[in-house]
């Protein structure tokens, strides 16, 4: 199921991937990979808040999750954009 979600995300079918991951997470709430993938789907969809929330959950479940890198990158991007807003 996670492989299918990865494929859907790479094809840009983020809504389908999110629904699939929602179902998976209902059955397996401790899968950090599922939260990471759902974060990726939300990020690709442009929903920064949901992406960050999913990355944080993945990080809580597994401190070595790739979500750590994804989360830090998103925060860096947000900090960059916010600083630019002040410089206009």
PDB file of N, CA and C in Angstrom:
ATOM      1  N   UNK A   1       0.822  -1.193   0.000  1.00  0.00           N
ATOM      2  CA  UNK A   1       0.000   0.000   0.000  1.00  0.00           C
ATOM      3  C   UNK A   1       0.870   1.262   0.000  1.00  0.00           C
ATOM      4  N   UNK A   2       1.959   1.255   0.754  1.00  0.00           N
ATOM      5  CA  UNK A   2       2.840   2.426   0.791  1.00  0.00           C
ATOM      6  C   UNK A   2       3.517   2.648  -0.555  1.00  0.00           C
ATOM      7  N   UNK A   3       3.856   1.553  -1.232  1.00  0.00           N
ATOM      8  CA  UNK A   3       4.471   1.674  -2.559  1.00  0.00           C
ATOM      9  C   UNK A   3       3.484   2.311  -3.537  1.00  0.00           C
ATOM     10  N   UNK A   4       2.222   1.929  -3.428  1.00  0.00           N
ATOM     11  CA  UNK A   4       1.187   2.518  -4.282  1.00  0.00           C
ATOM     12  C   UNK A   4       1.056   4.008  -3.999  1.00  0.00           C
ATOM     13  N   UNK A   5       1.102   4.376  -2.725  1.00  0.00           N
ATOM     14  CA  UNK A   5       1.018   5.794  -2.348  1.00  0.00           C
ATOM     15  C   UNK A   5       2.195   6.573  -2.930  1.00  0.00           C
ATOM     16  N   UNK A   6       3.396   5.998  -2.861  1.00  0.00           N
ATOM     17  CA  UNK A   6       4.583   6.652  -3.440  1.00  0.00           C
ATOM     18  C   UNK A   6       4.371   6.893  -4.933  1.00  0.00           C
ATOM     19  N   UNK A   7       3.838   5.888  -5.607  1.00  0.00           N
ATOM     20  CA  UNK A   7       3.611   5.992  -7.048  1.00  0.00           C
ATOM     21  C   UNK A   7       2.586   7.091  -7.348  1.00  0.00           C
ATOM     22  N   UNK A   8       1.513   7.129  -6.581  1.00  0.00           N
ATOM     23  CA  UNK A   8       0.479   8.149  -6.784  1.00  0.00           C
ATOM     24  C   UNK A   8       1.050   9.555  -6.579  1.00  0.00           C
ATOM     25  N   UNK A   9       1.870   9.706  -5.555  1.00  0.00           N
ATOM     26  CA  UNK A   9       2.480  11.018  -5.282  1.00  0.00           C
ATOM     27  C   UNK A   9       3.380  11.426  -6.445  1.00  0.00           C
ATOM     28  N   UNK A  10       4.172  10.485  -6.934  1.00  0.00           N
ATOM     29  CA  UNK A  10       5.083  10.817  -8.039  1.00  0.00           C
ATOM     30  C   UNK A  10       4.315  11.148  -9.318  1.00  0.00           C
ATOM     31  N   UNK A  11       3.113  10.615  -9.451  1.00  0.00           N
ATOM     32  CA  UNK A  11       2.276  10.904 -10.623  1.00  0.00           C
ATOM     33  C   UNK A  11       1.440  12.176 -10.432  1.00  0.00           C
ATOM     34  N   UNK A  12       1.550  12.784  -9.256  1.00  0.00           N
ATOM     35  CA  UNK A  12       0.798  14.005  -8.988  1.00  0.00           C
ATOM     36  C   UNK A  12      -0.632  13.760  -8.540  1.00  0.00           C
ATOM     37  N   UNK A  13      -0.960  12.520  -8.231  1.00  0.00           N
ATOM     38  CA  UNK A  13      -2.314  12.177  -7.772  1.00  0.00           C
ATOM     39  C   UNK A  13      -2.343  12.245  -6.240  1.00  0.00           C
ATOM     40  N   UNK A  14      -2.166  13.459  -5.731  1.00  0.00           N
ATOM     41  CA  UNK A  14      -1.986  13.633  -4.287  1.00  0.00           C
ATOM     42  C   UNK A  14      -3.251  13.326  -3.496  1.00  0.00           C
ATOM     43  N   UNK A  15      -4.413  13.695  -4.022  1.00  0.00           N
ATOM     44  CA  UNK A  15      -5.649  13.421  -3.285  1.00  0.00           C
ATOM     45  C   UNK A  15      -5.873  11.923  -3.115  1.00  0.00           C
ATOM     46  N   UNK A  16      -5.609  11.154  -4.170  1.00  0.00           N
ATOM     47  CA  UNK A  16      -5.744   9.696  -4.085  1.00  0.00           C
ATOM     48  C   UNK A  16      -4.736   9.130  -3.087  1.00  0.00           C
ATOM     49  N   UNK A  17      -3.518   9.637  -3.129  1.00  0.00           N
ATOM     50  CA  UNK A  17      -2.482   9.159  -2.212  1.00  0.00           C
ATOM     51  C   UNK A  17      -2.859   9.456  -0.766  1.00  0.00           C
ATOM     52  N   UNK A  18      -3.394  10.647  -0.514  1.00  0.00           N
ATOM     53  CA  UNK A  18      -3.780  11.023   0.845  1.00  0.00           C
ATOM     54  C   UNK A  18      -4.890  10.113   1.361  1.00  0.00           C
ATOM     55  N   UNK A  19      -5.886   9.830   0.528  1.00  0.00           N
ATOM     56  CA  UNK A  19      -6.966   8.927   0.942  1.00  0.00           C
ATOM     57  C   UNK A  19      -6.431   7.539   1.271  1.00  0.00           C
ATOM     58  N   UNK A  20      -5.537   7.043   0.433  1.00  0.00           N
ATOM     59  CA  UNK A  20      -4.938   5.728   0.665  1.00  0.00           C
ATOM     60  C   UNK A  20      -4.139   5.722   1.969  1.00  0.00           C
ATOM     61  N   UNK A  21      -3.365   6.770   2.190  1.00  0.00           N
ATOM     62  CA  UNK A  21      -2.560   6.858   3.411  1.00  0.00           C
ATOM     63  C   UNK A  21      -3.424   7.058   4.646  1.00  0.00           C
ATOM     64  N   UNK A  22      -4.533   7.782   4.511  1.00  0.00           N
ATOM     65  CA  UNK A  22      -5.466   7.923   5.631  1.00  0.00           C
ATOM     66  C   UNK A  22      -5.955   6.551   6.082  1.00  0.00           C
ATOM     67  N   UNK A  23      -6.326   5.717   5.112  1.00  0.00           N
ATOM     68  CA  UNK A  23      -6.797   4.354   5.419  1.00  0.00           C
ATOM     69  C   UNK A  23      -5.683   3.549   6.088  1.00  0.00           C
ATOM     70  N   UNK A  24      -4.486   3.641   5.549  1.00  0.00           N
ATOM     71  CA  UNK A  24      -3.364   2.893   6.096  1.00  0.00           C
ATOM     72  C   UNK A  24      -3.067   3.321   7.527  1.00  0.00           C
ATOM     73  N   UNK A  25      -3.077   4.624   7.769  1.00  0.00           N
ATOM     74  CA  UNK A  25      -2.761   5.151   9.102  1.00  0.00           C
ATOM     75  C   UNK A  25      -3.831   4.753  10.121  1.00  0.00           C
ATOM     76  N   UNK A  26      -5.081   4.650   9.684  1.00  0.00           N
ATOM     77  CA  UNK A  26      -6.146   4.189  10.586  1.00  0.00           C
ATOM     78  C   UNK A  26      -5.827   2.806  11.139  1.00  0.00           C
ATOM     79  N   UNK A  27      -5.231   1.958  10.310  1.00  0.00           N
ATOM     80  CA  UNK A  27      -4.918   0.583  10.717  1.00  0.00           C
ATOM     81  C   UNK A  27      -3.555   0.481  11.400  1.00  0.00           C
ATOM     82  N   UNK A  28      -2.653   1.378  11.042  1.00  0.00           N
ATOM     83  CA  UNK A  28      -1.282   1.302  11.555  1.00  0.00           C
ATOM     84  C   UNK A  28      -0.803   2.698  11.948  1.00  0.00           C
ATOM     85  N   UNK A  29      -1.214   3.131  13.126  1.00  0.00           N
ATOM     86  CA  UNK A  29      -0.924   4.490  13.587  1.00  0.00           C
ATOM     87  C   UNK A  29       0.549   4.722  13.935  1.00  0.00           C
ATOM     88  N   UNK A  30       1.355   3.660  13.942  1.00  0.00           N
ATOM     89  CA  UNK A  30       2.752   3.810  14.328  1.00  0.00           C
ATOM     90  C   UNK A  30       3.704   3.761  13.130  1.00  0.00           C
ATOM     91  N   UNK A  31       3.170   3.883  11.933  1.00  0.00           N
ATOM     92  CA  UNK A  31       4.015   3.843  10.733  1.00  0.00           C
ATOM     93  C   UNK A  31       4.536   5.241  10.415  1.00  0.00           C
ATOM     94  N   UNK A  32       5.775   5.488  10.793  1.00  0.00           N
ATOM     95  CA  UNK A  32       6.352   6.807  10.509  1.00  0.00           C
ATOM     96  C   UNK A  32       6.454   7.041   9.007  1.00  0.00           C
ATOM     97  N   UNK A  33       6.678   5.978   8.239  1.00  0.00           N
ATOM     98  CA  UNK A  33       6.789   6.128   6.788  1.00  0.00           C
ATOM     99  C   UNK A  33       5.476   6.618   6.172  1.00  0.00           C
ATOM    100  N   UNK A  34       4.350   6.140   6.699  1.00  0.00           N
ATOM    101  CA  UNK A  34       3.048   6.571   6.176  1.00  0.00           C
ATOM    102  C   UNK A  34       2.833   8.061   6.439  1.00  0.00           C
ATOM    103  N   UNK A  35       3.188   8.521   7.631  1.00  0.00           N
ATOM    104  CA  UNK A  35       3.061   9.951   7.940  1.00  0.00           C
ATOM    105  C   UNK A  35       4.010  10.784   7.073  1.00  0.00           C
ATOM    106  N   UNK A  36       5.205  10.273   6.861  1.00  0.00           N
ATOM    107  CA  UNK A  36       6.180  10.955   6.003  1.00  0.00           C
ATOM    108  C   UNK A  36       5.637  11.089   4.583  1.00  0.00           C
ATOM    109  N   UNK A  37       5.103   9.995   4.061  1.00  0.00           N
ATOM    110  CA  UNK A  37       4.556  10.023   2.702  1.00  0.00           C
ATOM    111  C   UNK A  37       3.347  10.951   2.605  1.00  0.00           C
ATOM    112  N   UNK A  38       2.504  10.917   3.638  1.00  0.00           N
ATOM    113  CA  UNK A  38       1.343  11.808   3.622  1.00  0.00           C
ATOM    114  C   UNK A  38       1.802  13.258   3.682  1.00  0.00           C
ATOM    115  N   UNK A  39       2.874  13.524   4.429  1.00  0.00           N
ATOM    116  CA  UNK A  39       3.462  14.862   4.445  1.00  0.00           C
ATOM    117  C   UNK A  39       3.944  15.269   3.065  1.00  0.00           C
ATOM    118  N   UNK A  40       4.571  14.326   2.360  1.00  0.00           N
ATOM    119  CA  UNK A  40       5.029  14.608   1.000  1.00  0.00           C
ATOM    120  C   UNK A  40       3.856  14.930   0.074  1.00  0.00           C
ATOM    121  N   UNK A  41       2.774  14.184   0.228  1.00  0.00           N
ATOM    122  CA  UNK A  41       1.599  14.423  -0.619  1.00  0.00           C
ATOM    123  C   UNK A  41       1.019  15.812  -0.347  1.00  0.00           C
ATOM    124  N   UNK A  42       0.900  16.160   0.922  1.00  0.00           N
ATOM    125  CA  UNK A  42       0.383  17.492   1.262  1.00  0.00           C
ATOM    126  C   UNK A  42       1.325  18.595   0.777  1.00  0.00           C
ATOM    127  N   UNK A  43       2.626  18.362   0.886  1.00  0.00           N
ATOM    128  CA  UNK A  43       3.598  19.357   0.411  1.00  0.00           C
ATOM    129  C   UNK A  43       3.438  19.574  -1.081  1.00  0.00           C
ATOM    130  N   UNK A  44       3.335  18.477  -1.810  1.00  0.00           N
ATOM    131  CA  UNK A  44       3.192  18.568  -3.263  1.00  0.00           C
ATOM    132  C   UNK A  44       1.887  19.268  -3.633  1.00  0.00           C
ATOM    133  N   UNK A  45       0.888  19.105  -2.783  1.00  0.00           N
ATOM    134  CA  UNK A  45      -0.420  19.721  -3.000  1.00  0.00           C
ATOM    135  C   UNK A  45      -0.401  21.208  -2.631  1.00  0.00           C
ATOM    136  N   UNK A  46       0.616  21.625  -1.863  1.00  0.00           N
ATOM    137  CA  UNK A  46       0.738  23.025  -1.464  1.00  0.00           C
ATOM    138  C   UNK A  46       0.186  23.321  -0.080  1.00  0.00           C
ATOM    139  N   UNK A  47      -0.176  22.280   0.662  1.00  0.00           N
ATOM    140  CA  UNK A  47      -0.719  22.462   2.015  1.00  0.00           C
ATOM    141  C   UNK A  47       0.425  22.327   3.024  1.00  0.00           C
ATOM    142  N   UNK A  48       1.107  23.444   3.265  1.00  0.00           N
ATOM    143  CA  UNK A  48       2.303  23.456   4.108  1.00  0.00           C
ATOM    144  C   UNK A  48       1.993  23.021   5.537  1.00  0.00           C
ATOM    145  N   UNK A  49       0.910  23.513   6.093  1.00  0.00           N
ATOM    146  CA  UNK A  49       0.571  23.192   7.491  1.00  0.00           C
ATOM    147  C   UNK A  49       0.380  21.692   7.683  1.00  0.00           C
ATOM    148  N   UNK A  50      -0.409  21.063   6.806  1.00  0.00           N
ATOM    149  CA  UNK A  50      -0.633  19.619   6.931  1.00  0.00           C
ATOM    150  C   UNK A  50       0.663  18.835   6.694  1.00  0.00           C
ATOM    151  N   UNK A  51       1.474  19.304   5.763  1.00  0.00           N
ATOM    152  CA  UNK A  51       2.748  18.633   5.503  1.00  0.00           C
ATOM    153  C   UNK A  51       3.619  18.656   6.757  1.00  0.00           C
ATOM    154  N   UNK A  52       3.761  19.833   7.355  1.00  0.00           N
ATOM    155  CA  UNK A  52       4.589  19.950   8.557  1.00  0.00           C
ATOM    156  C   UNK A  52       4.039  19.103   9.699  1.00  0.00           C
ATOM    157  N   UNK A  53       2.721  19.092   9.883  1.00  0.00           N
ATOM    158  CA  UNK A  53       2.120  18.277  10.945  1.00  0.00           C
ATOM    159  C   UNK A  53       2.425  16.795  10.755  1.00  0.00           C
ATOM    160  N   UNK A  54       2.333  16.330   9.521  1.00  0.00           N
ATOM    161  CA  UNK A  54       2.628  14.919   9.254  1.00  0.00           C
ATOM    162  C   UNK A  54       4.103  14.611   9.447  1.00  0.00           C
ATOM    163  N   UNK A  55       4.970  15.524   9.024  1.00  0.00           N
ATOM    164  CA  UNK A  55       6.402  15.325   9.253  1.00  0.00           C
ATOM    165  C   UNK A  55       6.708  15.265  10.745  1.00  0.00           C
ATOM    166  N   UNK A  56       6.084  16.140  11.529  1.00  0.00           N
ATOM    167  CA  UNK A  56       6.315  16.133  12.978  1.00  0.00           C
ATOM    168  C   UNK A  56       5.883  14.812  13.607  1.00  0.00           C
ATOM    169  N   UNK A  57       4.743  14.292  13.180  1.00  0.00           N
ATOM    170  CA  UNK A  57       4.278  13.009  13.714  1.00  0.00           C
ATOM    171  C   UNK A  57       5.256  11.898  13.347  1.00  0.00           C
ATOM    172  N   UNK A  58       5.729  11.898  12.105  1.00  0.00           N
ATOM    173  CA  UNK A  58       6.705  10.888  11.683  1.00  0.00           C
ATOM    174  C   UNK A  58       7.973  10.992  12.523  1.00  0.00           C
ATOM    175  N   UNK A  59       8.393  12.224  12.808  1.00  0.00           N
ATOM    176  CA  UNK A  59       9.605  12.436  13.613  1.00  0.00           C
ATOM    177  C   UNK A  59       9.418  11.962  15.051  1.00  0.00           C
ATOM    178  N   UNK A  60       8.214  12.122  15.582  1.00  0.00           N
ATOM    179  CA  UNK A  60       7.941  11.648  16.945  1.00  0.00           C
ATOM    180  C   UNK A  60       8.014  10.122  16.992  1.00  0.00           C
ATOM    181  N   UNK A  61       7.508   9.480  15.951  1.00  0.00           N
ATOM    182  CA  UNK A  61       7.508   8.018  15.912  1.00  0.00           C
ATOM    183  C   UNK A  61       8.899   7.457  15.646  1.00  0.00           C
ATOM    184  N   UNK A  62       9.683   8.175  14.847  1.00  0.00           N
ATOM    185  CA  UNK A  62      11.026   7.708  14.493  1.00  0.00           C
ATOM    186  C   UNK A  62      11.938   8.919  14.314  1.00  0.00           C
ATOM    187  N   UNK A  63      12.781   9.195  15.306  1.00  0.00           N
ATOM    188  CA  UNK A  63      13.679  10.347  15.217  1.00  0.00           C
ATOM    189  C   UNK A  63      14.655  10.287  14.042  1.00  0.00           C
ATOM    190  N   UNK A  64      14.816   9.125  13.420  1.00  0.00           N
ATOM    191  CA  UNK A  64      15.710   8.981  12.271  1.00  0.00           C
ATOM    192  C   UNK A  64      14.953   8.970  10.940  1.00  0.00           C
ATOM    193  N   UNK A  65      13.701   9.330  10.978  1.00  0.00           N
ATOM    194  CA  UNK A  65      12.866   9.341   9.777  1.00  0.00           C
ATOM    195  C   UNK A  65      13.381  10.369   8.771  1.00  0.00           C
ATOM    196  N   UNK A  66      13.197  10.096   7.482  1.00  0.00           N
ATOM    197  CA  UNK A  66      13.539  11.110   6.480  1.00  0.00           C
ATOM    198  C   UNK A  66      12.682  12.371   6.624  1.00  0.00           C
ATOM    199  N   UNK A  67      11.646  12.287   7.426  1.00  0.00           N
ATOM    200  CA  UNK A  67      10.795  13.452   7.683  1.00  0.00           C
ATOM    201  C   UNK A  67      11.578  14.572   8.359  1.00  0.00           C
ATOM    202  N   UNK A  68      12.636  14.223   9.081  1.00  0.00           N
ATOM    203  CA  UNK A  68      13.464  15.242   9.748  1.00  0.00           C
ATOM    204  C   UNK A  68      14.051  16.187   8.697  1.00  0.00           C
ATOM    205  N   UNK A  69      14.605  15.621   7.640  1.00  0.00           N
ATOM    206  CA  UNK A  69      15.206  16.437   6.578  1.00  0.00           C
ATOM    207  C   UNK A  69      14.126  17.243   5.863  1.00  0.00           C
ATOM    208  N   UNK A  70      13.016  16.591   5.535  1.00  0.00           N
ATOM    209  CA  UNK A  70      11.926  17.283   4.836  1.00  0.00           C
ATOM    210  C   UNK A  70      11.378  18.436   5.672  1.00  0.00           C
ATOM    211  N   UNK A  71      11.201  18.199   6.961  1.00  0.00           N
ATOM    212  CA  UNK A  71      10.690  19.228   7.872  1.00  0.00           C
ATOM    213  C   UNK A  71      11.657  20.407   7.926  1.00  0.00           C
ATOM    214  N   UNK A  72      12.930  20.116   8.127  1.00  0.00           N
ATOM    215  CA  UNK A  72      13.931  21.181   8.227  1.00  0.00           C
ATOM    216  C   UNK A  72      14.025  21.992   6.944  1.00  0.00           C
ATOM    217  N   UNK A  73      13.917  21.323   5.808  1.00  0.00           N
ATOM    218  CA  UNK A  73      13.953  22.037   4.530  1.00  0.00           C
ATOM    219  C   UNK A  73      12.752  22.966   4.384  1.00  0.00           C
ATOM    220  N   UNK A  74      11.572  22.480   4.776  1.00  0.00           N
ATOM    221  CA  UNK A  74      10.380  23.327   4.674  1.00  0.00           C
ATOM    222  C   UNK A  74      10.480  24.532   5.597  1.00  0.00           C
ATOM    223  N   UNK A  75      10.992  24.328   6.800  1.00  0.00           N
ATOM    224  CA  UNK A  75      11.150  25.440   7.742  1.00  0.00           C
ATOM    225  C   UNK A  75      12.146  26.454   7.175  1.00  0.00           C
ATOM    226  N   UNK A  76      13.237  25.969   6.582  1.00  0.00           N
ATOM    227  CA  UNK A  76      14.217  26.884   5.979  1.00  0.00           C
ATOM    228  C   UNK A  76      13.586  27.712   4.867  1.00  0.00           C
ATOM    229  N   UNK A  77      12.778  27.075   4.052  1.00  0.00           N
ATOM    230  CA  UNK A  77      12.101  27.788   2.962  1.00  0.00           C
ATOM    231  C   UNK A  77      11.142  28.827   3.528  1.00  0.00           C
ATOM    232  N   UNK A  78      10.378  28.444   4.534  1.00  0.00           N
ATOM    233  CA  UNK A  78       9.430  29.384   5.138  1.00  0.00           C
ATOM    234  C   UNK A  78      10.159  30.561   5.775  1.00  0.00           C
ATOM    235  N   UNK A  79      11.255  30.292   6.451  1.00  0.00           N
ATOM    236  CA  UNK A  79      12.029  31.374   7.059  1.00  0.00           C
ATOM    237  C   UNK A  79      12.583  32.317   6.001  1.00  0.00           C
ATOM    238  N   UNK A  80      13.036  31.762   4.885  1.00  0.00           N
ATOM    239  CA  UNK A  80      13.552  32.582   3.787  1.00  0.00           C
ATOM    240  C   UNK A  80      12.448  33.484   3.241  1.00  0.00           C
ATOM    241  N   UNK A  81      11.282  32.907   2.975  1.00  0.00           N
ATOM    242  CA  UNK A  81      10.178  33.702   2.439  1.00  0.00           C
ATOM    243  C   UNK A  81       9.735  34.774   3.418  1.00  0.00           C
ATOM    244  N   UNK A  82       9.653  34.440   4.697  1.00  0.00           N
ATOM    245  CA  UNK A  82       9.214  35.423   5.684  1.00  0.00           C
ATOM    246  C   UNK A  82      10.195  36.578   5.789  1.00  0.00           C
ATOM    247  N   UNK A  83      11.486  36.294   5.739  1.00  0.00           N
ATOM    248  CA  UNK A  83      12.477  37.377   5.795  1.00  0.00           C
ATOM    249  C   UNK A  83      12.352  38.281   4.576  1.00  0.00           C
ATOM    250  N   UNK A  84      12.117  37.693   3.422  1.00  0.00           N
ATOM    251  CA  UNK A  84      11.949  38.501   2.216  1.00  0.00           C
ATOM    252  C   UNK A  84      10.751  39.436   2.329  1.00  0.00           C
ATOM    253  N   UNK A  85       9.717  38.989   2.969  1.00  0.00           N
ATOM    254  CA  UNK A  85       8.520  39.817   3.102  1.00  0.00           C
ATOM    255  C   UNK A  85       8.830  41.084   3.893  1.00  0.00           C
ATOM    256  N   UNK A  86       9.714  40.975   4.862  1.00  0.00           N
ATOM    257  CA  UNK A  86      10.069  42.138   5.670  1.00  0.00           C
ATOM    258  C   UNK A  86      10.969  43.109   4.909  1.00  0.00           C
ATOM    259  N   UNK A  87      11.656  42.615   3.883  1.00  0.00           N
ATOM    260  CA  UNK A  87      12.617  43.443   3.150  1.00  0.00           C
ATOM    261  C   UNK A  87      12.008  44.167   1.950  1.00  0.00           C
ATOM    262  N   UNK A  88      10.737  44.028   1.752  1.00  0.00           N
ATOM    263  CA  UNK A  88      10.116  44.663   0.588  1.00  0.00           C
ATOM    264  C   UNK A  88       9.756  46.095   0.867  1.00  0.00           C
TER     265      UNK A  88
END
